[in-house]
């Protein structure tokens, strides 16, 4: 399927609470692997770089501060649901991630401006499904890194766990 599509709608859920119609910008985690320089060549280490995400919501809701307050082993969960259309075919997009909020930007700016709460998330688990098919299934604490069904950390897990 061609994913050059128009995003028709999106919603964000923070700890199960939806913000439909109040979702601003969404930046999903970038998947990047560390590269080592060896003899003037880049060698893939297979090690993921830290993942970050950013969510901007146009509502003041106590659940946002609950998410910010979770620390150590208690991580908040964020879900993004979206719909895209290409050539008349609608495709569902589902993202689930958990991680600690590393930064929250002040929602109060200038008089007359829209209220925006921006959360920067240090992502620990990340799942992306397109049209019901898992594209990413990453769980850093448990050494799982599935990309399009292939777990690139499977051998590593067997060796160290």
C-alpha atoms as a PDB file:
ATOM      1  CA  UNK A   1       0.000   0.000   0.000  1.00  0.00           C
ATOM      2  CA  UNK A   2       1.204   3.508  -0.800  1.00  0.00           C
ATOM      3  CA  UNK A   3       1.314   5.619   2.375  1.00  0.00           C
ATOM      4  CA  UNK A   4       1.642   8.976   0.606  1.00  0.00           C
ATOM      5  CA  UNK A   5      -1.589   9.984   2.218  1.00  0.00           C
ATOM      6  CA  UNK A   6      -3.585  12.752   3.800  1.00  0.00           C
ATOM      7  CA  UNK A   7      -3.937  12.648   7.579  1.00  0.00           C
ATOM      8  CA  UNK A   8      -7.697  12.868   8.191  1.00  0.00           C
ATOM      9  CA  UNK A   9      -7.781  12.943  11.957  1.00  0.00           C
ATOM     10  CA  UNK A  10      -5.840  12.192  15.115  1.00  0.00           C
ATOM     11  CA  UNK A  11      -6.376  11.775  18.826  1.00  0.00           C
ATOM     12  CA  UNK A  12      -4.072  11.365  21.805  1.00  0.00           C
ATOM     13  CA  UNK A  13      -4.832   9.437  24.977  1.00  0.00           C
ATOM     14  CA  UNK A  14      -2.823  10.145  28.128  1.00  0.00           C
ATOM     15  CA  UNK A  15      -3.327   7.431  30.739  1.00  0.00           C
ATOM     16  CA  UNK A  16      -6.561   6.473  28.938  1.00  0.00           C
ATOM     17  CA  UNK A  17      -8.028  10.014  28.759  1.00  0.00           C
ATOM     18  CA  UNK A  18      -8.704  11.212  25.182  1.00  0.00           C
ATOM     19  CA  UNK A  19      -8.077  14.702  23.841  1.00  0.00           C
ATOM     20  CA  UNK A  20      -9.946  14.572  20.501  1.00  0.00           C
ATOM     21  CA  UNK A  21     -10.120  17.986  18.887  1.00  0.00           C
ATOM     22  CA  UNK A  22      -7.501  19.316  21.291  1.00  0.00           C
ATOM     23  CA  UNK A  23      -4.367  17.752  19.812  1.00  0.00           C
ATOM     24  CA  UNK A  24      -1.641  19.998  18.462  1.00  0.00           C
ATOM     25  CA  UNK A  25       1.662  18.808  17.072  1.00  0.00           C
ATOM     26  CA  UNK A  26       2.780  15.212  17.493  1.00  0.00           C
ATOM     27  CA  UNK A  27       6.385  14.137  17.003  1.00  0.00           C
ATOM     28  CA  UNK A  28       6.761  10.370  17.179  1.00  0.00           C
ATOM     29  CA  UNK A  29      10.075   8.764  18.168  1.00  0.00           C
ATOM     30  CA  UNK A  30      12.790   8.700  15.541  1.00  0.00           C
ATOM     31  CA  UNK A  31      14.336   5.239  15.188  1.00  0.00           C
ATOM     32  CA  UNK A  32      18.073   5.645  14.839  1.00  0.00           C
ATOM     33  CA  UNK A  33      20.926   3.193  15.360  1.00  0.00           C
ATOM     34  CA  UNK A  34      24.396   4.145  16.593  1.00  0.00           C
ATOM     35  CA  UNK A  35      27.119   3.987  13.982  1.00  0.00           C
ATOM     36  CA  UNK A  36      30.799   3.444  14.810  1.00  0.00           C
ATOM     37  CA  UNK A  37      33.655   4.899  12.773  1.00  0.00           C
ATOM     38  CA  UNK A  38      36.125   2.140  11.857  1.00  0.00           C
ATOM     39  CA  UNK A  39      38.816   2.691   9.201  1.00  0.00           C
ATOM     40  CA  UNK A  40      36.894   5.631   7.716  1.00  0.00           C
ATOM     41  CA  UNK A  41      33.730   3.534   7.400  1.00  0.00           C
ATOM     42  CA  UNK A  42      30.462   3.674   9.300  1.00  0.00           C
ATOM     43  CA  UNK A  43      29.700   0.341  10.980  1.00  0.00           C
ATOM     44  CA  UNK A  44      26.194  -0.333  12.282  1.00  0.00           C
ATOM     45  CA  UNK A  45      26.343  -1.261  15.976  1.00  0.00           C
ATOM     46  CA  UNK A  46      22.721  -2.414  16.121  1.00  0.00           C
ATOM     47  CA  UNK A  47      22.286  -0.298  19.270  1.00  0.00           C
ATOM     48  CA  UNK A  48      19.309   2.049  19.328  1.00  0.00           C
ATOM     49  CA  UNK A  49      19.846   5.727  20.040  1.00  0.00           C
ATOM     50  CA  UNK A  50      17.616   7.124  22.821  1.00  0.00           C
ATOM     51  CA  UNK A  51      14.061   7.734  21.605  1.00  0.00           C
ATOM     52  CA  UNK A  52      12.126  10.917  22.265  1.00  0.00           C
ATOM     53  CA  UNK A  53       8.607  12.032  21.430  1.00  0.00           C
ATOM     54  CA  UNK A  54       6.745  15.306  21.768  1.00  0.00           C
ATOM     55  CA  UNK A  55       3.007  15.846  22.257  1.00  0.00           C
ATOM     56  CA  UNK A  56       1.247  19.211  22.291  1.00  0.00           C
ATOM     57  CA  UNK A  57      -2.264  19.360  23.734  1.00  0.00           C
ATOM     58  CA  UNK A  58      -4.613  22.351  23.833  1.00  0.00           C
ATOM     59  CA  UNK A  59      -6.246  21.646  27.179  1.00  0.00           C
ATOM     60  CA  UNK A  60      -5.412  21.972  30.838  1.00  0.00           C
ATOM     61  CA  UNK A  61      -6.179  18.604  32.380  1.00  0.00           C
ATOM     62  CA  UNK A  62      -4.939  17.136  35.668  1.00  0.00           C
ATOM     63  CA  UNK A  63      -3.998  13.869  33.926  1.00  0.00           C
ATOM     64  CA  UNK A  64      -1.143  15.714  32.183  1.00  0.00           C
ATOM     65  CA  UNK A  65       0.483  16.555  35.515  1.00  0.00           C
ATOM     66  CA  UNK A  66      -0.151  13.013  36.719  1.00  0.00           C
ATOM     67  CA  UNK A  67       1.853  11.833  33.697  1.00  0.00           C
ATOM     68  CA  UNK A  68       4.644  14.316  34.475  1.00  0.00           C
ATOM     69  CA  UNK A  69       4.788  13.188  38.121  1.00  0.00           C
ATOM     70  CA  UNK A  70       5.394   9.496  37.341  1.00  0.00           C
ATOM     71  CA  UNK A  71       9.041   8.545  37.907  1.00  0.00           C
ATOM     72  CA  UNK A  72      11.390   5.575  38.269  1.00  0.00           C
ATOM     73  CA  UNK A  73       9.513   2.320  37.523  1.00  0.00           C
ATOM     74  CA  UNK A  74       6.123   4.026  37.137  1.00  0.00           C
ATOM     75  CA  UNK A  75       5.798   5.208  33.513  1.00  0.00           C
ATOM     76  CA  UNK A  76       2.781   6.915  31.965  1.00  0.00           C
ATOM     77  CA  UNK A  77       1.270   5.502  28.773  1.00  0.00           C
ATOM     78  CA  UNK A  78       0.490   7.590  25.698  1.00  0.00           C
ATOM     79  CA  UNK A  79      -1.618   6.387  22.761  1.00  0.00           C
ATOM     80  CA  UNK A  80      -1.982   8.135  19.401  1.00  0.00           C
ATOM     81  CA  UNK A  81      -4.734   7.085  17.013  1.00  0.00           C
ATOM     82  CA  UNK A  82      -4.952   8.520  13.532  1.00  0.00           C
ATOM     83  CA  UNK A  83      -6.586   7.917  10.187  1.00  0.00           C
ATOM     84  CA  UNK A  84      -5.012   8.519   6.796  1.00  0.00           C
ATOM     85  CA  UNK A  85      -6.532   8.303   3.330  1.00  0.00           C
ATOM     86  CA  UNK A  86      -4.757   7.521   0.065  1.00  0.00           C
ATOM     87  CA  UNK A  87      -6.490   6.875  -3.263  1.00  0.00           C
ATOM     88  CA  UNK A  88      -9.830   6.633  -1.435  1.00  0.00           C
ATOM     89  CA  UNK A  89      -8.582   3.936   0.947  1.00  0.00           C
ATOM     90  CA  UNK A  90      -8.588   4.714   4.677  1.00  0.00           C
ATOM     91  CA  UNK A  91      -5.764   3.373   6.819  1.00  0.00           C
ATOM     92  CA  UNK A  92      -5.586   3.267  10.605  1.00  0.00           C
ATOM     93  CA  UNK A  93      -2.464   4.359  12.452  1.00  0.00           C
ATOM     94  CA  UNK A  94      -1.986   3.275  16.073  1.00  0.00           C
ATOM     95  CA  UNK A  95       0.895   4.254  18.329  1.00  0.00           C
ATOM     96  CA  UNK A  96       1.409   3.213  21.934  1.00  0.00           C
ATOM     97  CA  UNK A  97       4.382   4.415  23.911  1.00  0.00           C
ATOM     98  CA  UNK A  98       5.451   4.700  27.507  1.00  0.00           C
ATOM     99  CA  UNK A  99       8.232   6.686  29.035  1.00  0.00           C
ATOM    100  CA  UNK A 100       9.031   9.478  31.406  1.00  0.00           C
ATOM    101  CA  UNK A 101       8.126  13.068  30.703  1.00  0.00           C
ATOM    102  CA  UNK A 102      11.549  14.700  30.627  1.00  0.00           C
ATOM    103  CA  UNK A 103      10.218  18.207  30.100  1.00  0.00           C
ATOM    104  CA  UNK A 104       6.868  19.977  30.133  1.00  0.00           C
ATOM    105  CA  UNK A 105       6.537  23.440  28.652  1.00  0.00           C
ATOM    106  CA  UNK A 106       4.570  26.142  30.411  1.00  0.00           C
ATOM    107  CA  UNK A 107       0.998  26.354  29.057  1.00  0.00           C
ATOM    108  CA  UNK A 108       0.593  30.054  29.898  1.00  0.00           C
ATOM    109  CA  UNK A 109       2.190  32.351  27.335  1.00  0.00           C
ATOM    110  CA  UNK A 110       0.539  35.536  26.046  1.00  0.00           C
ATOM    111  CA  UNK A 111      -2.970  36.905  26.507  1.00  0.00           C
ATOM    112  CA  UNK A 112      -5.124  35.781  23.599  1.00  0.00           C
ATOM    113  CA  UNK A 113      -2.886  32.833  22.707  1.00  0.00           C
ATOM    114  CA  UNK A 114      -4.204  29.294  22.767  1.00  0.00           C
ATOM    115  CA  UNK A 115      -3.295  27.244  25.823  1.00  0.00           C
ATOM    116  CA  UNK A 116      -0.746  24.601  24.835  1.00  0.00           C
ATOM    117  CA  UNK A 117       0.804  21.982  27.093  1.00  0.00           C
ATOM    118  CA  UNK A 118       3.838  20.368  25.455  1.00  0.00           C
ATOM    119  CA  UNK A 119       5.269  17.154  26.875  1.00  0.00           C
ATOM    120  CA  UNK A 120       8.703  15.853  25.861  1.00  0.00           C
ATOM    121  CA  UNK A 121       8.837  12.110  26.496  1.00  0.00           C
ATOM    122  CA  UNK A 122      11.894   9.893  27.045  1.00  0.00           C
ATOM    123  CA  UNK A 123      10.385   6.837  25.308  1.00  0.00           C
ATOM    124  CA  UNK A 124      11.075   3.360  26.741  1.00  0.00           C
ATOM    125  CA  UNK A 125       8.459   1.309  24.867  1.00  0.00           C
ATOM    126  CA  UNK A 126       7.126   2.085  21.404  1.00  0.00           C
ATOM    127  CA  UNK A 127       4.665   0.265  19.174  1.00  0.00           C
ATOM    128  CA  UNK A 128       3.552   1.502  15.754  1.00  0.00           C
ATOM    129  CA  UNK A 129       0.830  -0.286  13.803  1.00  0.00           C
ATOM    130  CA  UNK A 130      -0.259   0.715  10.317  1.00  0.00           C
ATOM    131  CA  UNK A 131      -3.487  -0.837   9.089  1.00  0.00           C
ATOM    132  CA  UNK A 132      -3.317  -3.351  11.963  1.00  0.00           C
ATOM    133  CA  UNK A 133       0.208  -4.548  11.103  1.00  0.00           C
ATOM    134  CA  UNK A 134       3.021  -3.944  13.591  1.00  0.00           C
ATOM    135  CA  UNK A 135       5.873  -1.944  12.063  1.00  0.00           C
ATOM    136  CA  UNK A 136       7.779  -1.178  15.288  1.00  0.00           C
ATOM    137  CA  UNK A 137       7.640  -3.085  18.574  1.00  0.00           C
ATOM    138  CA  UNK A 138      10.389  -1.693  20.783  1.00  0.00           C
ATOM    139  CA  UNK A 139      10.777  -2.363  24.508  1.00  0.00           C
ATOM    140  CA  UNK A 140      14.125  -1.014  25.715  1.00  0.00           C
ATOM    141  CA  UNK A 141      14.015  -2.392  29.311  1.00  0.00           C
ATOM    142  CA  UNK A 142      13.323  -5.924  28.014  1.00  0.00           C
ATOM    143  CA  UNK A 143      15.742  -5.820  25.052  1.00  0.00           C
ATOM    144  CA  UNK A 144      13.089  -6.137  22.335  1.00  0.00           C
ATOM    145  CA  UNK A 145      13.505  -4.338  19.010  1.00  0.00           C
ATOM    146  CA  UNK A 146      11.041  -5.616  16.402  1.00  0.00           C
ATOM    147  CA  UNK A 147      11.021  -3.877  13.052  1.00  0.00           C
ATOM    148  CA  UNK A 148       8.458  -5.181  10.572  1.00  0.00           C
ATOM    149  CA  UNK A 149       8.257  -8.461  12.498  1.00  0.00           C
ATOM    150  CA  UNK A 150      12.017  -9.066  12.795  1.00  0.00           C
ATOM    151  CA  UNK A 151      13.423  -8.863  16.344  1.00  0.00           C
ATOM    152  CA  UNK A 152      16.935  -7.496  15.869  1.00  0.00           C
ATOM    153  CA  UNK A 153      17.685  -7.965  19.587  1.00  0.00           C
ATOM    154  CA  UNK A 154      16.692 -11.659  19.753  1.00  0.00           C
ATOM    155  CA  UNK A 155      20.275 -12.987  19.693  1.00  0.00           C
ATOM    156  CA  UNK A 156      21.458 -10.272  22.073  1.00  0.00           C
ATOM    157  CA  UNK A 157      18.725 -11.257  24.572  1.00  0.00           C
ATOM    158  CA  UNK A 158      19.779 -14.915  24.381  1.00  0.00           C
ATOM    159  CA  UNK A 159      23.400 -13.966  25.045  1.00  0.00           C
ATOM    160  CA  UNK A 160      22.891 -11.646  27.999  1.00  0.00           C
ATOM    161  CA  UNK A 161      19.661 -12.657  29.733  1.00  0.00           C
END
